[in-house]
Amino acid sequence: MGRSAAVLVVAVAVLAGSGGANARTGANCARTSVSMTPLTDLGQGRYRGYRGGLNANGKNTPPAAYERMGLAAAQAVRPIDGKIVLLSIGMSNTTQEFSAFAQVADASRSKAAGVQLVDGAQPGQDAEKIKDPAARYWDVWLVNERVRGELAGPWLGWGPYLWTNGEKGRSDGLTWTCADVRPSDGTHPSASGQAKVASLLWRFFTTDPTTRSWFVAS
């Protein structure tokens, strides 16, 4: 195959966990939800002055014109030396969840043979280090700036949004329970938590119009 390739970058929310998790003292199962609403359910509501939704105007879907750009980018994805690399970027949770997803994907005949999953996440990049709103880590700012045309480079879009309000959940039924995190820290996913995220990632990459054209076997 040729050496040139279009690049499609998909942002995935990875700060997942039970509403009652506490990294310093272990999982606190006495508190299984908080008084916050997931961004995907917030709509026109606001959190600390910022409107809800993963995209502009409280919506979770991108503007039609920007989505068309994403579809064009997806169709232009071509292998380099026979491979299309899907790279994870994030913290230790990302490593554990992406590794579980890779096991599911690599075992399935539905994944295109040329797609190679590579875990590039780095342990230790937790919320304490990226709590600065100006930190470039925050995907939401990058995605929205790219949609508005304020950033050049590859097309950016949201993958599955993983935060939910503990056992209270959200409108699509996603919940996080104490069983989904490790009792030792209440932050990192247990085997069931990893499997839950792996399932969300698998559904996204096999069904989203900006990914299925290059991720799913023809």
N, C-alpha and C. Protein backbone atom coordinates (compact mmCIF):
# COMPACT_ATOMS: atom_id res chain seq x y z
N MET A 1 0.84 -1.19 0.00
CA MET A 1 0.00 0.00 0.00
C MET A 1 0.88 1.24 0.00
N GLY A 2 0.28 2.40 -0.33
CA GLY A 2 1.02 3.65 -0.33
C GLY A 2 1.40 4.09 1.06
N ARG A 3 2.36 5.01 1.14
CA ARG A 3 2.84 5.47 2.43
C ARG A 3 1.97 6.57 3.00
N SER A 4 1.13 7.21 2.22
CA SER A 4 0.32 8.31 2.73
C SER A 4 -1.00 7.79 3.29
N ALA A 5 -1.52 8.51 4.27
CA ALA A 5 -2.78 8.08 4.87
C ALA A 5 -3.48 9.27 5.52
N ALA A 6 -4.79 9.31 5.40
CA ALA A 6 -5.56 10.30 6.14
C ALA A 6 -5.63 9.86 7.60
N VAL A 7 -5.69 10.81 8.49
CA VAL A 7 -5.69 10.49 9.92
C VAL A 7 -7.03 10.86 10.53
N LEU A 8 -7.62 9.95 11.25
CA LEU A 8 -8.87 10.20 11.95
C LEU A 8 -8.59 10.02 13.44
N VAL A 9 -8.84 11.05 14.22
CA VAL A 9 -8.62 10.97 15.66
C VAL A 9 -9.96 10.98 16.35
N VAL A 10 -10.18 10.02 17.23
CA VAL A 10 -11.44 9.92 17.96
C VAL A 10 -11.18 10.14 19.44
N ALA A 11 -11.80 11.16 20.02
CA ALA A 11 -11.63 11.43 21.45
C ALA A 11 -12.59 10.58 22.25
N VAL A 12 -12.07 9.94 23.29
CA VAL A 12 -12.89 9.08 24.14
C VAL A 12 -12.79 9.55 25.58
N ALA A 13 -13.95 9.77 26.21
CA ALA A 13 -13.93 10.15 27.62
C ALA A 13 -13.52 8.94 28.45
N VAL A 14 -12.47 9.08 29.25
CA VAL A 14 -11.94 7.92 29.98
C VAL A 14 -11.97 8.10 31.48
N LEU A 15 -12.51 9.23 31.97
CA LEU A 15 -12.52 9.44 33.41
C LEU A 15 -13.74 8.76 34.00
N ALA A 16 -13.70 7.43 34.00
CA ALA A 16 -14.86 6.66 34.44
C ALA A 16 -14.67 6.17 35.85
N GLY A 17 -15.77 5.93 36.54
CA GLY A 17 -15.69 5.36 37.88
C GLY A 17 -16.99 5.49 38.61
N SER A 18 -17.10 4.83 39.72
CA SER A 18 -18.29 4.91 40.53
C SER A 18 -18.41 6.26 41.17
N GLY A 19 -19.62 6.74 41.35
CA GLY A 19 -19.83 8.04 41.95
C GLY A 19 -19.27 8.12 43.34
N GLY A 20 -19.10 7.01 44.05
CA GLY A 20 -18.62 7.04 45.40
C GLY A 20 -17.16 6.66 45.53
N ALA A 21 -16.44 6.60 44.42
CA ALA A 21 -15.05 6.16 44.48
C ALA A 21 -14.16 7.19 45.12
N ASN A 22 -13.16 6.73 45.85
CA ASN A 22 -12.19 7.61 46.47
C ASN A 22 -10.83 6.96 46.34
N ALA A 23 -9.90 7.63 45.62
CA ALA A 23 -8.62 7.01 45.29
C ALA A 23 -7.73 6.86 46.52
N ARG A 24 -7.95 7.66 47.56
CA ARG A 24 -7.04 7.63 48.69
C ARG A 24 -7.45 6.62 49.76
N THR A 25 -8.73 6.39 49.95
CA THR A 25 -9.18 5.53 51.04
C THR A 25 -9.85 4.27 50.57
N GLY A 26 -9.92 4.04 49.29
CA GLY A 26 -10.60 2.87 48.76
C GLY A 26 -12.03 3.20 48.38
N ALA A 27 -12.70 2.22 47.81
CA ALA A 27 -14.06 2.43 47.34
C ALA A 27 -15.01 2.69 48.51
N ASN A 28 -15.78 3.75 48.43
CA ASN A 28 -16.77 4.08 49.45
C ASN A 28 -18.15 3.76 48.90
N CYS A 29 -18.65 2.58 49.19
CA CYS A 29 -19.92 2.14 48.62
C CYS A 29 -21.13 2.71 49.36
N ALA A 30 -20.89 3.53 50.37
CA ALA A 30 -22.00 4.17 51.07
C ALA A 30 -22.60 5.30 50.24
N ARG A 31 -21.86 5.77 49.26
CA ARG A 31 -22.33 6.86 48.41
C ARG A 31 -22.20 6.42 46.97
N THR A 32 -23.31 6.11 46.36
CA THR A 32 -23.27 5.50 45.03
C THR A 32 -23.68 6.44 43.90
N SER A 33 -23.93 7.72 44.22
CA SER A 33 -24.22 8.70 43.19
C SER A 33 -23.94 10.08 43.75
N VAL A 34 -23.91 11.08 42.88
CA VAL A 34 -23.66 12.46 43.29
C VAL A 34 -24.71 13.36 42.66
N SER A 35 -24.72 14.62 43.04
CA SER A 35 -25.74 15.55 42.55
C SER A 35 -25.30 16.23 41.27
N MET A 36 -24.79 15.45 40.33
CA MET A 36 -24.36 15.98 39.04
C MET A 36 -25.03 15.20 37.92
N THR A 37 -25.15 15.86 36.77
CA THR A 37 -25.78 15.25 35.61
C THR A 37 -24.73 14.98 34.54
N PRO A 38 -24.72 13.81 33.94
CA PRO A 38 -23.78 13.54 32.85
C PRO A 38 -23.93 14.57 31.73
N LEU A 39 -22.83 14.96 31.11
CA LEU A 39 -22.87 15.95 30.03
C LEU A 39 -23.83 15.54 28.93
N THR A 40 -23.92 14.23 28.67
CA THR A 40 -24.77 13.76 27.59
C THR A 40 -26.26 13.92 27.91
N ASP A 41 -26.60 14.13 29.19
CA ASP A 41 -28.00 14.34 29.59
C ASP A 41 -28.28 15.79 29.96
N LEU A 42 -27.24 16.62 30.05
CA LEU A 42 -27.41 17.99 30.55
C LEU A 42 -28.10 18.90 29.56
N GLY A 43 -27.93 18.66 28.27
CA GLY A 43 -28.59 19.47 27.25
C GLY A 43 -28.25 20.95 27.36
N GLN A 44 -29.29 21.80 27.46
CA GLN A 44 -29.09 23.24 27.54
C GLN A 44 -28.70 23.69 28.96
N GLY A 45 -28.71 22.76 29.92
CA GLY A 45 -28.30 23.11 31.26
C GLY A 45 -26.81 23.44 31.30
N ARG A 46 -26.38 23.96 32.43
CA ARG A 46 -24.98 24.38 32.54
C ARG A 46 -24.30 23.77 33.75
N TYR A 47 -23.01 23.53 33.63
CA TYR A 47 -22.16 23.08 34.74
C TYR A 47 -20.99 24.04 34.83
N ARG A 48 -20.94 24.78 35.94
CA ARG A 48 -19.90 25.79 36.15
C ARG A 48 -19.80 26.75 34.98
N GLY A 49 -20.95 27.14 34.45
CA GLY A 49 -21.02 28.13 33.39
C GLY A 49 -20.94 27.58 31.99
N TYR A 50 -20.63 26.29 31.86
CA TYR A 50 -20.49 25.70 30.53
C TYR A 50 -21.73 24.87 30.20
N ARG A 51 -22.21 25.05 28.97
CA ARG A 51 -23.40 24.34 28.52
C ARG A 51 -23.12 22.85 28.38
N GLY A 52 -24.15 22.03 28.57
CA GLY A 52 -24.02 20.58 28.47
C GLY A 52 -23.84 20.11 27.05
N GLY A 53 -23.85 18.79 26.89
CA GLY A 53 -23.66 18.21 25.57
C GLY A 53 -22.19 18.06 25.22
N LEU A 54 -21.89 17.12 24.35
CA LEU A 54 -20.51 16.91 23.93
C LEU A 54 -20.11 17.86 22.81
N ASN A 55 -21.10 18.46 22.16
CA ASN A 55 -20.84 19.42 21.10
C ASN A 55 -21.58 20.72 21.40
N ALA A 56 -21.53 21.65 20.48
CA ALA A 56 -22.10 22.98 20.71
C ALA A 56 -23.61 22.95 20.90
N ASN A 57 -24.12 23.98 21.56
CA ASN A 57 -25.56 24.18 21.75
C ASN A 57 -26.24 23.04 22.50
N GLY A 58 -25.52 22.40 23.41
CA GLY A 58 -26.10 21.37 24.24
C GLY A 58 -26.37 20.06 23.54
N LYS A 59 -25.82 19.87 22.36
CA LYS A 59 -26.08 18.65 21.59
C LYS A 59 -24.92 17.68 21.71
N ASN A 60 -25.22 16.39 21.55
CA ASN A 60 -24.18 15.36 21.60
C ASN A 60 -23.66 14.99 20.21
N THR A 61 -24.36 15.40 19.18
CA THR A 61 -23.95 15.12 17.81
C THR A 61 -23.30 16.35 17.22
N PRO A 62 -22.31 16.18 16.35
CA PRO A 62 -21.63 17.34 15.75
C PRO A 62 -22.51 18.01 14.70
N PRO A 63 -22.21 19.26 14.34
CA PRO A 63 -22.94 19.92 13.25
C PRO A 63 -22.83 19.09 11.98
N ALA A 64 -23.86 19.14 11.14
CA ALA A 64 -23.92 18.30 9.94
C ALA A 64 -22.71 18.50 9.04
N ALA A 65 -22.29 19.75 8.86
CA ALA A 65 -21.17 20.02 7.97
C ALA A 65 -19.89 19.41 8.52
N TYR A 66 -19.72 19.47 9.84
CA TYR A 66 -18.50 18.91 10.43
C TYR A 66 -18.53 17.39 10.40
N GLU A 67 -19.71 16.80 10.56
CA GLU A 67 -19.83 15.35 10.48
C GLU A 67 -19.48 14.86 9.07
N ARG A 68 -19.87 15.63 8.06
CA ARG A 68 -19.53 15.25 6.68
C ARG A 68 -18.02 15.25 6.49
N MET A 69 -17.34 16.20 7.15
CA MET A 69 -15.88 16.21 7.10
C MET A 69 -15.32 14.94 7.72
N GLY A 70 -15.91 14.51 8.83
CA GLY A 70 -15.46 13.30 9.50
C GLY A 70 -15.66 12.06 8.65
N LEU A 71 -16.81 11.98 7.98
CA LEU A 71 -17.09 10.84 7.11
C LEU A 71 -16.11 10.80 5.94
N ALA A 72 -15.78 11.98 5.40
CA ALA A 72 -14.81 12.03 4.31
C ALA A 72 -13.44 11.58 4.79
N ALA A 73 -13.08 12.00 6.03
CA ALA A 73 -11.78 11.60 6.59
C ALA A 73 -11.74 10.09 6.80
N ALA A 74 -12.86 9.53 7.27
CA ALA A 74 -12.92 8.09 7.51
C ALA A 74 -12.75 7.30 6.21
N GLN A 75 -13.40 7.78 5.15
CA GLN A 75 -13.30 7.09 3.87
C GLN A 75 -11.89 7.19 3.28
N ALA A 76 -11.14 8.20 3.71
CA ALA A 76 -9.79 8.40 3.18
C ALA A 76 -8.73 7.62 3.95
N VAL A 77 -9.12 6.99 5.07
CA VAL A 77 -8.15 6.22 5.86
C VAL A 77 -7.63 5.05 5.03
N ARG A 78 -6.31 4.94 4.92
CA ARG A 78 -5.68 3.87 4.16
C ARG A 78 -4.55 3.27 4.99
N PRO A 79 -4.28 1.98 4.84
CA PRO A 79 -3.18 1.35 5.59
C PRO A 79 -1.83 1.91 5.19
N ILE A 80 -0.90 1.93 6.14
CA ILE A 80 0.50 2.20 5.88
C ILE A 80 1.25 0.91 6.18
N ASP A 81 1.95 0.39 5.19
CA ASP A 81 2.61 -0.91 5.32
C ASP A 81 1.63 -1.98 5.79
N GLY A 82 0.39 -1.87 5.29
CA GLY A 82 -0.62 -2.88 5.58
C GLY A 82 -1.32 -2.73 6.91
N LYS A 83 -1.04 -1.66 7.66
CA LYS A 83 -1.63 -1.49 8.98
C LYS A 83 -2.35 -0.14 9.13
N ILE A 84 -3.47 -0.20 9.85
CA ILE A 84 -4.15 1.00 10.35
C ILE A 84 -4.05 0.93 11.86
N VAL A 85 -3.38 1.88 12.48
CA VAL A 85 -3.13 1.83 13.91
C VAL A 85 -4.21 2.61 14.68
N LEU A 86 -4.81 1.94 15.65
CA LEU A 86 -5.74 2.58 16.58
C LEU A 86 -5.00 2.72 17.91
N LEU A 87 -4.65 3.95 18.27
CA LEU A 87 -3.79 4.23 19.42
C LEU A 87 -4.59 4.81 20.58
N SER A 88 -4.40 4.24 21.77
CA SER A 88 -5.05 4.80 22.96
C SER A 88 -4.14 5.83 23.61
N ILE A 89 -4.73 6.90 24.14
CA ILE A 89 -4.00 7.94 24.86
C ILE A 89 -4.77 8.25 26.13
N GLY A 90 -4.11 8.22 27.28
CA GLY A 90 -4.81 8.51 28.53
C GLY A 90 -3.99 8.10 29.73
N MET A 91 -4.68 7.75 30.83
CA MET A 91 -4.02 7.39 32.08
C MET A 91 -4.09 5.88 32.30
N SER A 92 -3.85 5.45 33.54
CA SER A 92 -3.82 4.02 33.83
C SER A 92 -5.17 3.34 33.59
N ASN A 93 -6.27 4.03 33.90
CA ASN A 93 -7.59 3.47 33.60
C ASN A 93 -7.71 3.14 32.12
N THR A 94 -7.19 4.05 31.29
CA THR A 94 -7.25 3.85 29.85
C THR A 94 -6.50 2.59 29.44
N THR A 95 -5.33 2.40 30.02
CA THR A 95 -4.54 1.21 29.73
C THR A 95 -5.32 -0.06 30.02
N GLN A 96 -5.95 -0.12 31.19
CA GLN A 96 -6.67 -1.32 31.60
C GLN A 96 -7.91 -1.54 30.74
N GLU A 97 -8.65 -0.47 30.48
CA GLU A 97 -9.88 -0.60 29.70
C GLU A 97 -9.59 -0.88 28.23
N PHE A 98 -8.58 -0.20 27.68
CA PHE A 98 -8.24 -0.41 26.27
C PHE A 98 -7.68 -1.82 26.06
N SER A 99 -6.94 -2.33 27.04
CA SER A 99 -6.41 -3.68 26.94
C SER A 99 -7.54 -4.71 26.88
N ALA A 100 -8.59 -4.47 27.71
CA ALA A 100 -9.75 -5.36 27.68
C ALA A 100 -10.47 -5.26 26.33
N PHE A 101 -10.57 -4.05 25.80
CA PHE A 101 -11.19 -3.85 24.49
C PHE A 101 -10.38 -4.55 23.40
N ALA A 102 -9.05 -4.45 23.49
CA ALA A 102 -8.19 -5.07 22.48
C ALA A 102 -8.39 -6.59 22.44
N GLN A 103 -8.58 -7.20 23.61
CA GLN A 103 -8.81 -8.65 23.66
C GLN A 103 -10.10 -9.01 22.94
N VAL A 104 -11.15 -8.19 23.16
CA VAL A 104 -12.43 -8.43 22.49
C VAL A 104 -12.29 -8.25 20.98
N ALA A 105 -11.65 -7.14 20.60
CA ALA A 105 -11.54 -6.81 19.18
C ALA A 105 -10.66 -7.81 18.42
N ASP A 106 -9.51 -8.15 19.00
CA ASP A 106 -8.59 -9.04 18.30
C ASP A 106 -9.13 -10.47 18.17
N ALA A 107 -10.07 -10.82 19.05
CA ALA A 107 -10.65 -12.15 18.98
C ALA A 107 -11.83 -12.24 18.01
N SER A 108 -12.24 -11.10 17.49
CA SER A 108 -13.42 -11.07 16.63
C SER A 108 -13.04 -11.04 15.15
N ARG A 109 -13.77 -11.79 14.37
CA ARG A 109 -13.56 -11.76 12.92
C ARG A 109 -14.16 -10.51 12.30
N SER A 110 -14.92 -9.76 13.08
CA SER A 110 -15.54 -8.55 12.55
C SER A 110 -14.54 -7.41 12.39
N LYS A 111 -13.44 -7.46 13.14
CA LYS A 111 -12.42 -6.41 13.03
C LYS A 111 -11.60 -6.63 11.78
N ALA A 112 -11.35 -5.56 11.06
CA ALA A 112 -10.52 -5.66 9.87
C ALA A 112 -9.13 -6.16 10.24
N ALA A 113 -8.60 -7.06 9.44
CA ALA A 113 -7.32 -7.69 9.76
C ALA A 113 -6.18 -6.68 9.84
N GLY A 114 -6.28 -5.60 9.08
CA GLY A 114 -5.20 -4.62 9.05
C GLY A 114 -5.22 -3.63 10.20
N VAL A 115 -6.26 -3.63 11.01
CA VAL A 115 -6.34 -2.70 12.15
C VAL A 115 -5.52 -3.25 13.31
N GLN A 116 -4.55 -2.49 13.76
CA GLN A 116 -3.68 -2.89 14.86
C GLN A 116 -3.91 -1.97 16.05
N LEU A 117 -4.30 -2.54 17.18
CA LEU A 117 -4.57 -1.77 18.38
C LEU A 117 -3.28 -1.62 19.20
N VAL A 118 -2.93 -0.38 19.53
CA VAL A 118 -1.71 -0.08 20.28
C VAL A 118 -2.07 0.76 21.51
N ASP A 119 -1.65 0.29 22.68
CA ASP A 119 -1.92 1.00 23.93
C ASP A 119 -0.82 2.02 24.19
N GLY A 120 -1.17 3.30 24.06
CA GLY A 120 -0.21 4.38 24.30
C GLY A 120 -0.50 5.17 25.56
N ALA A 121 -1.42 4.68 26.38
CA ALA A 121 -1.79 5.40 27.61
C ALA A 121 -0.64 5.37 28.61
N GLN A 122 -0.59 6.39 29.47
CA GLN A 122 0.49 6.53 30.43
C GLN A 122 -0.06 6.55 31.85
N PRO A 123 0.37 5.64 32.72
CA PRO A 123 -0.07 5.66 34.12
C PRO A 123 0.33 6.95 34.81
N GLY A 124 -0.47 7.38 35.75
CA GLY A 124 -0.14 8.55 36.55
C GLY A 124 -0.72 9.85 36.06
N GLN A 125 -1.29 9.86 34.86
CA GLN A 125 -1.89 11.11 34.36
C GLN A 125 -3.32 11.21 34.87
N ASP A 126 -3.45 11.42 36.19
CA ASP A 126 -4.76 11.41 36.82
C ASP A 126 -5.37 12.81 36.89
N ALA A 127 -6.55 12.89 37.49
CA ALA A 127 -7.29 14.16 37.54
C ALA A 127 -6.54 15.24 38.30
N GLU A 128 -5.74 14.84 39.29
CA GLU A 128 -4.98 15.83 40.06
C GLU A 128 -3.99 16.59 39.18
N LYS A 129 -3.43 15.90 38.20
CA LYS A 129 -2.46 16.52 37.31
C LYS A 129 -3.11 17.31 36.19
N ILE A 130 -4.33 16.94 35.83
CA ILE A 130 -4.97 17.60 34.68
C ILE A 130 -6.17 18.43 35.11
N LYS A 131 -6.23 18.81 36.41
CA LYS A 131 -7.36 19.58 36.90
C LYS A 131 -7.36 21.02 36.41
N ASP A 132 -6.23 21.49 35.91
CA ASP A 132 -6.15 22.84 35.37
C ASP A 132 -7.01 22.93 34.12
N PRO A 133 -8.03 23.81 34.11
CA PRO A 133 -8.91 23.90 32.93
C PRO A 133 -8.15 24.25 31.66
N ALA A 134 -6.97 24.85 31.79
CA ALA A 134 -6.21 25.23 30.61
C ALA A 134 -5.35 24.09 30.09
N ALA A 135 -5.31 22.97 30.81
CA ALA A 135 -4.49 21.84 30.37
C ALA A 135 -4.99 21.32 29.03
N ARG A 136 -4.07 21.09 28.10
CA ARG A 136 -4.45 20.66 26.77
C ARG A 136 -4.95 19.22 26.75
N TYR A 137 -4.88 18.56 27.90
CA TYR A 137 -5.38 17.18 27.99
C TYR A 137 -6.86 17.09 27.70
N TRP A 138 -7.60 18.12 28.06
CA TRP A 138 -9.06 18.03 28.00
C TRP A 138 -9.56 17.97 26.57
N ASP A 139 -10.08 16.80 26.20
CA ASP A 139 -10.56 16.56 24.84
C ASP A 139 -11.67 17.51 24.42
N VAL A 140 -12.53 17.85 25.34
CA VAL A 140 -13.71 18.63 24.96
C VAL A 140 -13.32 19.96 24.35
N TRP A 141 -12.25 20.58 24.87
CA TRP A 141 -11.84 21.86 24.30
C TRP A 141 -11.25 21.63 22.91
N LEU A 142 -10.44 20.60 22.76
CA LEU A 142 -9.84 20.32 21.46
C LEU A 142 -10.89 20.04 20.41
N VAL A 143 -11.86 19.20 20.75
CA VAL A 143 -12.90 18.84 19.79
C VAL A 143 -13.69 20.07 19.37
N ASN A 144 -14.14 20.86 20.34
CA ASN A 144 -14.95 22.03 20.01
C ASN A 144 -14.17 23.07 19.23
N GLU A 145 -12.89 23.24 19.55
CA GLU A 145 -12.07 24.18 18.79
C GLU A 145 -11.87 23.70 17.36
N ARG A 146 -11.75 22.38 17.19
CA ARG A 146 -11.59 21.85 15.84
C ARG A 146 -12.89 22.01 15.05
N VAL A 147 -14.03 21.79 15.69
CA VAL A 147 -15.32 21.97 15.02
C VAL A 147 -15.48 23.40 14.54
N ARG A 148 -15.05 24.36 15.36
CA ARG A 148 -15.19 25.78 15.00
C ARG A 148 -14.15 26.23 14.00
N GLY A 149 -13.24 25.38 13.63
CA GLY A 149 -12.22 25.74 12.66
C GLY A 149 -11.06 26.52 13.25
N GLU A 150 -10.93 26.50 14.59
CA GLU A 150 -9.87 27.26 15.25
C GLU A 150 -8.57 26.46 15.33
N LEU A 151 -8.62 25.17 15.04
CA LEU A 151 -7.45 24.31 15.03
C LEU A 151 -7.34 23.61 13.69
N ALA A 152 -6.11 23.48 13.22
CA ALA A 152 -5.85 22.71 12.01
C ALA A 152 -5.48 21.29 12.41
N GLY A 153 -5.35 20.42 11.42
CA GLY A 153 -4.92 19.06 11.71
C GLY A 153 -6.00 18.04 11.42
N PRO A 154 -5.88 16.85 12.00
CA PRO A 154 -6.83 15.76 11.72
C PRO A 154 -8.22 16.07 12.25
N TRP A 155 -9.20 15.40 11.69
CA TRP A 155 -10.58 15.53 12.17
C TRP A 155 -10.67 14.94 13.57
N LEU A 156 -11.37 15.64 14.46
CA LEU A 156 -11.55 15.19 15.84
C LEU A 156 -13.01 14.98 16.14
N GLY A 157 -13.33 13.93 16.86
CA GLY A 157 -14.71 13.68 17.25
C GLY A 157 -14.78 12.87 18.52
N TRP A 158 -15.95 12.81 19.12
CA TRP A 158 -16.15 12.06 20.36
C TRP A 158 -16.36 10.58 20.11
N GLY A 159 -15.76 9.79 20.97
CA GLY A 159 -16.07 8.37 21.04
C GLY A 159 -17.09 8.18 22.14
N PRO A 160 -17.19 7.00 22.74
CA PRO A 160 -18.17 6.78 23.81
C PRO A 160 -17.85 7.61 25.04
N TYR A 161 -18.87 8.21 25.61
CA TYR A 161 -18.73 9.02 26.82
C TYR A 161 -18.97 8.11 28.02
N LEU A 162 -17.98 8.00 28.89
CA LEU A 162 -18.01 6.97 29.93
C LEU A 162 -18.49 7.43 31.29
N TRP A 163 -18.55 8.73 31.54
CA TRP A 163 -18.95 9.17 32.88
C TRP A 163 -20.46 9.00 33.06
N THR A 164 -20.82 8.47 34.22
CA THR A 164 -22.22 8.40 34.57
C THR A 164 -22.35 8.57 36.08
N ASN A 165 -23.54 8.81 36.56
CA ASN A 165 -23.74 9.14 37.97
C ASN A 165 -23.89 7.88 38.82
N GLY A 166 -22.80 7.12 38.94
CA GLY A 166 -22.79 5.95 39.79
C GLY A 166 -23.94 5.00 39.49
N GLU A 167 -24.61 4.54 40.55
CA GLU A 167 -25.72 3.60 40.39
C GLU A 167 -26.99 4.30 39.89
N LYS A 168 -27.04 5.62 40.02
CA LYS A 168 -28.20 6.37 39.50
C LYS A 168 -28.24 6.31 37.99
N GLY A 169 -27.05 6.29 37.37
CA GLY A 169 -26.95 6.12 35.93
C GLY A 169 -27.34 7.34 35.13
N ARG A 170 -27.63 7.11 33.88
CA ARG A 170 -28.03 8.18 32.97
C ARG A 170 -29.09 7.66 32.01
N SER A 171 -29.52 8.49 31.08
CA SER A 171 -30.69 8.18 30.28
C SER A 171 -30.52 6.95 29.39
N ASP A 172 -29.29 6.62 29.01
CA ASP A 172 -29.10 5.45 28.15
C ASP A 172 -28.89 4.16 28.94
N GLY A 173 -29.00 4.25 30.28
CA GLY A 173 -28.93 3.06 31.12
C GLY A 173 -27.55 2.72 31.67
N LEU A 174 -26.51 3.47 31.27
CA LEU A 174 -25.17 3.17 31.77
C LEU A 174 -25.06 3.50 33.26
N THR A 175 -24.55 2.58 34.05
CA THR A 175 -24.30 2.79 35.47
C THR A 175 -22.89 2.34 35.81
N TRP A 176 -22.37 2.88 36.94
CA TRP A 176 -21.13 2.39 37.52
C TRP A 176 -21.43 2.00 38.96
N THR A 177 -21.06 0.81 39.34
CA THR A 177 -21.28 0.34 40.70
C THR A 177 -19.94 0.09 41.38
N CYS A 178 -19.98 -0.16 42.68
CA CYS A 178 -18.75 -0.45 43.40
C CYS A 178 -18.08 -1.71 42.85
N ALA A 179 -18.85 -2.62 42.31
CA ALA A 179 -18.28 -3.84 41.75
C ALA A 179 -17.47 -3.55 40.49
N ASP A 180 -17.67 -2.39 39.89
CA ASP A 180 -16.97 -2.04 38.65
C ASP A 180 -15.63 -1.38 38.89
N VAL A 181 -15.27 -1.13 40.16
CA VAL A 181 -13.96 -0.55 40.47
C VAL A 181 -13.24 -1.41 41.49
N ARG A 182 -11.95 -1.25 41.59
CA ARG A 182 -11.17 -2.05 42.53
C ARG A 182 -11.41 -1.57 43.96
N PRO A 183 -11.67 -2.48 44.88
CA PRO A 183 -11.89 -2.09 46.28
C PRO A 183 -10.70 -1.37 46.88
N SER A 184 -9.51 -1.64 46.40
CA SER A 184 -8.30 -1.06 46.99
C SER A 184 -8.18 0.43 46.78
N ASP A 185 -8.74 0.96 45.68
CA ASP A 185 -8.61 2.40 45.45
C ASP A 185 -9.89 3.08 44.98
N GLY A 186 -10.88 2.31 44.55
CA GLY A 186 -12.14 2.91 44.13
C GLY A 186 -12.03 3.73 42.87
N THR A 187 -10.92 3.64 42.17
CA THR A 187 -10.69 4.45 40.97
C THR A 187 -10.47 3.61 39.73
N HIS A 188 -9.56 2.65 39.83
CA HIS A 188 -9.26 1.82 38.67
C HIS A 188 -10.34 0.76 38.46
N PRO A 189 -10.63 0.44 37.21
CA PRO A 189 -11.72 -0.51 36.94
C PRO A 189 -11.38 -1.93 37.34
N SER A 190 -12.37 -2.63 37.84
CA SER A 190 -12.25 -4.06 38.11
C SER A 190 -12.44 -4.79 36.78
N ALA A 191 -12.44 -6.12 36.83
CA ALA A 191 -12.66 -6.89 35.61
C ALA A 191 -14.01 -6.55 34.98
N SER A 192 -15.05 -6.37 35.81
CA SER A 192 -16.37 -6.03 35.26
C SER A 192 -16.38 -4.62 34.68
N GLY A 193 -15.65 -3.71 35.31
CA GLY A 193 -15.56 -2.35 34.78
C GLY A 193 -14.82 -2.31 33.46
N GLN A 194 -13.74 -3.06 33.36
CA GLN A 194 -12.99 -3.13 32.10
C GLN A 194 -13.87 -3.71 30.99
N ALA A 195 -14.62 -4.75 31.32
CA ALA A 195 -15.49 -5.38 30.33
C ALA A 195 -16.59 -4.42 29.88
N LYS A 196 -17.08 -3.60 30.81
CA LYS A 196 -18.14 -2.64 30.47
C LYS A 196 -17.63 -1.60 29.47
N VAL A 197 -16.43 -1.08 29.72
CA VAL A 197 -15.86 -0.10 28.80
C VAL A 197 -15.49 -0.75 27.47
N ALA A 198 -14.96 -1.96 27.52
CA ALA A 198 -14.62 -2.67 26.29
C ALA A 198 -15.84 -2.84 25.40
N SER A 199 -16.99 -3.14 26.03
CA SER A 199 -18.23 -3.30 25.27
C SER A 199 -18.66 -1.99 24.63
N LEU A 200 -18.52 -0.87 25.36
CA LEU A 200 -18.88 0.44 24.81
C LEU A 200 -17.97 0.80 23.64
N LEU A 201 -16.67 0.54 23.79
CA LEU A 201 -15.73 0.83 22.71
C LEU A 201 -16.01 -0.03 21.48
N TRP A 202 -16.28 -1.31 21.72
CA TRP A 202 -16.58 -2.21 20.60
C TRP A 202 -17.81 -1.74 19.85
N ARG A 203 -18.86 -1.39 20.57
CA ARG A 203 -20.09 -0.92 19.91
C ARG A 203 -19.83 0.34 19.12
N PHE A 204 -19.02 1.24 19.68
CA PHE A 204 -18.73 2.49 18.97
C PHE A 204 -17.97 2.24 17.68
N PHE A 205 -16.86 1.52 17.76
CA PHE A 205 -16.01 1.36 16.57
C PHE A 205 -16.65 0.50 15.50
N THR A 206 -17.60 -0.36 15.88
CA THR A 206 -18.25 -1.20 14.87
C THR A 206 -19.53 -0.59 14.31
N THR A 207 -20.03 0.51 14.90
CA THR A 207 -21.29 1.08 14.43
C THR A 207 -21.21 2.54 14.01
N ASP A 208 -20.28 3.31 14.57
CA ASP A 208 -20.23 4.74 14.24
C ASP A 208 -19.81 4.93 12.79
N PRO A 209 -20.49 5.82 12.06
CA PRO A 209 -20.18 5.99 10.63
C PRO A 209 -18.77 6.51 10.36
N THR A 210 -18.13 7.15 11.36
CA THR A 210 -16.77 7.64 11.12
C THR A 210 -15.70 6.60 11.44
N THR A 211 -16.09 5.42 11.90
CA THR A 211 -15.09 4.40 12.24
C THR A 211 -15.33 3.06 11.56
N ARG A 212 -16.58 2.70 11.34
CA ARG A 212 -16.86 1.34 10.87
C ARG A 212 -16.30 1.08 9.47
N SER A 213 -16.12 2.14 8.66
CA SER A 213 -15.63 1.93 7.29
C SER A 213 -14.21 1.41 7.26
N TRP A 214 -13.40 1.71 8.28
CA TRP A 214 -12.03 1.22 8.31
C TRP A 214 -11.77 0.20 9.43
N PHE A 215 -12.66 0.14 10.43
CA PHE A 215 -12.45 -0.77 11.54
C PHE A 215 -13.05 -2.15 11.30
N VAL A 216 -14.19 -2.19 10.65
CA VAL A 216 -14.91 -3.44 10.45
C VAL A 216 -14.44 -4.14 9.17
N ALA A 217 -14.28 -5.45 9.26
CA ALA A 217 -13.86 -6.23 8.08
C ALA A 217 -14.92 -6.15 6.99
N SER A 218 -14.46 -6.01 5.76
CA SER A 218 -15.40 -5.92 4.64
C SER A 218 -15.86 -7.30 4.21
